[in-house]
Amino acid sequence: MNDTTPESDSIGTQPHPGYWTETDAASSKFGSIGHNVRIAKNCTLIGMHNIHIGDFVTIDGPTILCATVGRISIGRNAQIAAGCHLSGLGGIDIGDFCQLSPGVHIYSSDDDTSDALFGRVPKPLSKGDNAPVRIGRYVVIDAYSVVLPGCDIGDGASIKSMTLVTTSLAPWTIHAGVPAALVGTRSQRFLGANDSVSQENPQ
């Protein structure tokens, strides 16, 4: 067991023993954490003091959140499915009601492989592209898509499976492909209902 894993194995108020209890979450080393948060015990959480999680968030495992430096902020009612990887060196902000499907990777940093020094070298000697990633509210990112540093994904955007996002995307658009290309627009009719629903943790 390491310092990223809760010591308690009790079910407590959680319906599933594979997730942290409310007590685990409240006593954790996160920068901040909301109420009714569900985090799978097999997640890898690095730099927890730089990770901020809102109310009613679900993070399924195995997922990796890495913020040794930089930060990761996850808005309320967001859902992060199994096998996701968030690298927060340049900063990642995920808006309310976002959904990340299995295997989504979000990178806010990238190595400069043209430089003589890269890989596991001291930070002052390493070079790369560090740029914040912003994921707006209501964004849906389908399975195994990749978002690269510096991208700003507008509210309500939808990214289809196995898409490579290399640039910012406009709100309420649908993108697919490598690299991401516009394939449609998304309805906004659910907005009022989504904001007024009872805030219950999904089972």
Protein backbone atom coordinates (compact mmCIF):
# COMPACT_ATOMS: atom_id res chain seq x y z
CA MET A 1 0.00 0.00 0.00
CA ASN A 2 1.32 3.48 -0.81
CA ASP A 3 0.30 6.98 0.20
CA THR A 4 -2.05 7.23 -2.79
CA THR A 5 -4.26 4.41 -1.51
CA PRO A 6 -6.79 4.82 1.33
CA GLU A 7 -5.98 2.59 4.28
CA SER A 8 -9.58 1.86 5.18
CA ASP A 9 -11.20 -1.13 3.50
CA SER A 10 -14.59 -0.65 5.10
CA ILE A 11 -17.63 -0.13 2.92
CA GLY A 12 -19.05 2.63 5.10
CA THR A 13 -21.73 4.59 3.26
CA GLN A 14 -20.48 3.50 -0.16
CA PRO A 15 -22.56 0.90 -2.02
CA HIS A 16 -19.48 -0.78 -3.51
CA PRO A 17 -16.41 -1.98 -1.55
CA GLY A 18 -14.13 -1.17 -4.49
CA TYR A 19 -14.54 2.59 -3.93
CA TRP A 20 -13.30 4.96 -1.28
CA THR A 21 -15.66 5.69 1.59
CA GLU A 22 -16.70 9.21 2.53
CA THR A 23 -14.29 8.92 5.46
CA ASP A 24 -11.44 7.96 3.13
CA ALA A 25 -12.12 10.95 0.91
CA ALA A 26 -12.50 13.40 3.79
CA SER A 27 -9.19 12.33 5.32
CA SER A 28 -7.29 12.29 2.03
CA LYS A 29 -4.52 14.66 0.96
CA PHE A 30 -6.39 16.25 -1.96
CA GLY A 31 -6.10 19.99 -2.47
CA SER A 32 -9.88 20.00 -2.10
CA ILE A 33 -12.65 17.43 -2.46
CA GLY A 34 -16.43 17.74 -2.50
CA HIS A 35 -19.28 15.62 -1.15
CA ASN A 36 -20.51 12.26 -2.45
CA VAL A 37 -17.37 11.61 -4.45
CA ARG A 38 -16.68 8.05 -5.63
CA ILE A 39 -13.07 7.11 -6.38
CA ALA A 40 -12.06 3.54 -7.18
CA LYS A 41 -9.42 2.14 -4.85
CA ASN A 42 -7.28 0.96 -7.77
CA CYS A 43 -6.75 4.48 -9.12
CA THR A 44 -3.23 5.93 -9.09
CA LEU A 45 -3.24 9.48 -7.68
CA ILE A 46 0.06 11.37 -7.77
CA GLY A 47 0.47 14.85 -6.31
CA MET A 48 -2.88 14.74 -4.54
CA HIS A 49 -2.34 18.19 -3.01
CA ASN A 50 -2.57 19.59 -6.56
CA ILE A 51 -5.81 17.74 -7.39
CA HIS A 52 -9.20 19.39 -6.77
CA ILE A 53 -12.46 17.44 -7.10
CA GLY A 54 -16.02 18.80 -6.98
CA ASP A 55 -19.24 17.29 -5.62
CA PHE A 56 -20.76 14.09 -7.05
CA VAL A 57 -17.71 13.14 -9.11
CA THR A 58 -17.07 9.50 -10.05
CA ILE A 59 -13.59 8.24 -10.99
CA ASP A 60 -13.46 4.59 -11.99
CA GLY A 61 -10.28 2.55 -11.91
CA PRO A 62 -7.72 1.91 -12.96
CA THR A 63 -7.30 5.61 -13.78
CA ILE A 64 -4.16 7.72 -13.38
CA LEU A 65 -4.21 11.35 -12.24
CA CYS A 66 -0.71 12.84 -12.14
CA ALA A 67 -0.13 16.35 -10.77
CA THR A 68 3.25 16.28 -9.05
CA VAL A 69 3.53 19.84 -10.33
CA GLY A 70 0.78 21.75 -12.10
CA ARG A 71 -2.82 20.98 -11.18
CA ILE A 72 -5.92 18.98 -12.05
CA SER A 73 -9.38 20.40 -11.31
CA ILE A 74 -12.53 18.33 -11.87
CA GLY A 75 -15.95 20.01 -11.73
CA ARG A 76 -19.10 18.67 -10.10
CA ASN A 77 -21.02 15.71 -11.53
CA ALA A 78 -18.13 14.80 -13.80
CA GLN A 79 -17.59 11.14 -14.61
CA ILE A 80 -14.17 9.69 -15.47
CA ALA A 81 -14.35 6.10 -16.66
CA ALA A 82 -11.82 3.30 -16.26
CA GLY A 83 -8.38 3.53 -17.80
CA CYS A 84 -8.18 7.30 -18.24
CA HIS A 85 -4.87 9.15 -17.86
CA LEU A 86 -4.66 12.83 -16.91
CA SER A 87 -1.23 14.47 -16.90
CA GLY A 88 -1.52 17.80 -15.11
CA LEU A 89 1.97 19.30 -15.47
CA GLY A 90 0.68 22.26 -17.48
CA GLY A 91 -2.72 22.30 -15.75
CA ILE A 92 -6.02 20.55 -16.57
CA ASP A 93 -9.46 21.99 -15.83
CA ILE A 94 -12.51 19.77 -16.41
CA GLY A 95 -15.93 21.43 -16.24
CA ASP A 96 -19.17 20.37 -14.57
CA PHE A 97 -21.12 17.42 -16.01
CA CYS A 98 -18.26 16.24 -18.24
CA GLN A 99 -17.96 12.60 -19.26
CA LEU A 100 -14.67 10.90 -20.09
CA SER A 101 -15.15 7.40 -21.52
CA PRO A 102 -12.69 4.53 -20.95
CA GLY A 103 -9.11 5.07 -22.04
CA VAL A 104 -9.23 8.84 -22.60
CA HIS A 105 -5.82 10.52 -22.27
CA ILE A 106 -5.41 14.24 -21.57
CA TYR A 107 -1.90 15.68 -21.68
CA SER A 108 -0.94 19.21 -20.60
CA SER A 109 2.75 18.57 -21.29
CA ASP A 110 4.79 16.95 -24.02
CA ASP A 111 8.48 16.06 -24.37
CA ASP A 112 10.64 17.75 -26.98
CA THR A 113 12.12 14.63 -28.58
CA SER A 114 14.25 16.73 -30.93
CA ASP A 115 16.34 17.87 -27.96
CA ALA A 116 19.46 15.96 -26.92
CA LEU A 117 18.08 15.55 -23.39
CA PHE A 118 14.64 14.10 -22.78
CA GLY A 119 13.07 11.33 -20.78
CA ARG A 120 14.19 10.82 -17.19
CA VAL A 121 16.49 13.81 -16.75
CA PRO A 122 16.47 16.59 -14.11
CA LYS A 123 13.60 19.01 -14.67
CA PRO A 124 15.84 22.07 -15.22
CA LEU A 125 17.48 20.25 -18.15
CA SER A 126 14.34 18.88 -19.76
CA LYS A 127 12.53 20.74 -22.50
CA GLY A 128 8.98 20.34 -23.64
CA ASP A 129 5.64 21.91 -24.36
CA ASN A 130 3.67 22.67 -21.21
CA ALA A 131 0.30 24.31 -21.84
CA PRO A 132 -2.98 24.21 -19.92
CA VAL A 133 -5.92 22.15 -21.14
CA ARG A 134 -9.44 23.37 -20.48
CA ILE A 135 -12.43 21.06 -20.89
CA GLY A 136 -15.69 23.05 -20.74
CA ARG A 137 -18.99 22.06 -19.14
CA TYR A 138 -21.07 19.20 -20.61
CA VAL A 139 -18.19 17.96 -22.77
CA VAL A 140 -18.29 14.28 -23.79
CA ILE A 141 -15.04 12.59 -24.79
CA ASP A 142 -15.52 9.08 -26.13
CA ALA A 143 -13.25 6.08 -25.65
CA TYR A 144 -9.52 6.16 -26.32
CA SER A 145 -9.42 9.76 -27.52
CA VAL A 146 -6.34 11.89 -26.84
CA VAL A 147 -6.25 15.62 -26.03
CA LEU A 148 -2.87 17.36 -26.41
CA PRO A 149 -1.41 20.38 -24.56
CA GLY A 150 -2.93 23.81 -25.06
CA CYS A 151 -6.37 22.68 -26.22
CA ASP A 152 -9.51 24.53 -25.09
CA ILE A 153 -12.59 22.36 -25.55
CA GLY A 154 -15.70 24.55 -25.60
CA ASP A 155 -18.80 23.85 -23.53
CA GLY A 156 -20.89 20.97 -24.82
CA ALA A 157 -18.41 19.75 -27.40
CA SER A 158 -18.48 16.04 -28.26
CA ILE A 159 -15.36 14.10 -29.25
CA LYS A 160 -15.94 10.72 -30.89
CA SER A 161 -13.95 7.58 -30.09
CA MET A 162 -10.24 7.39 -30.95
CA THR A 163 -10.00 11.06 -31.92
CA LEU A 164 -6.75 13.03 -31.65
CA VAL A 165 -7.39 16.60 -30.50
CA THR A 166 -4.49 18.90 -31.36
CA THR A 167 -6.26 22.27 -31.34
CA SER A 168 -9.10 24.04 -29.55
CA LEU A 169 -12.70 23.10 -30.40
CA ALA A 170 -15.75 25.38 -30.56
CA PRO A 171 -18.68 24.90 -28.16
CA TRP A 172 -21.43 22.43 -29.06
CA THR A 173 -19.55 20.92 -31.98
CA ILE A 174 -18.88 17.24 -32.73
CA HIS A 175 -15.42 16.16 -33.84
CA ALA A 176 -13.90 12.87 -34.97
CA GLY A 177 -10.76 11.54 -36.60
CA VAL A 178 -6.99 11.95 -36.57
CA PRO A 179 -6.57 14.84 -36.31
CA ALA A 180 -9.99 15.94 -35.06
CA ALA A 181 -12.31 17.25 -37.78
CA LEU A 182 -15.74 18.84 -37.49
CA VAL A 183 -18.50 16.32 -38.26
CA GLY A 184 -21.60 17.95 -36.76
CA THR A 185 -23.20 20.03 -34.03
CA ARG A 186 -24.76 18.98 -30.75
CA SER A 187 -28.21 19.78 -29.37
CA GLN A 188 -28.47 22.00 -26.29
CA ARG A 189 -32.04 21.02 -25.39
CA PHE A 190 -31.00 19.11 -22.25
CA LEU A 191 -29.30 22.07 -20.57
CA GLY A 192 -32.10 23.23 -18.27
CA ALA A 193 -33.06 19.72 -17.21
CA ASN A 194 -29.47 18.72 -16.50
CA ASP A 195 -28.84 21.65 -14.19
CA SER A 196 -32.07 21.10 -12.25
CA VAL A 197 -31.81 17.37 -11.65
CA SER A 198 -31.46 16.02 -8.14
CA GLN A 199 -27.74 15.87 -7.40
CA GLU A 200 -27.38 12.20 -6.54
CA ASN A 201 -24.22 10.17 -6.78
CA PRO A 202 -24.56 7.65 -9.66
CA GLN A 203 -24.56 3.99 -8.69
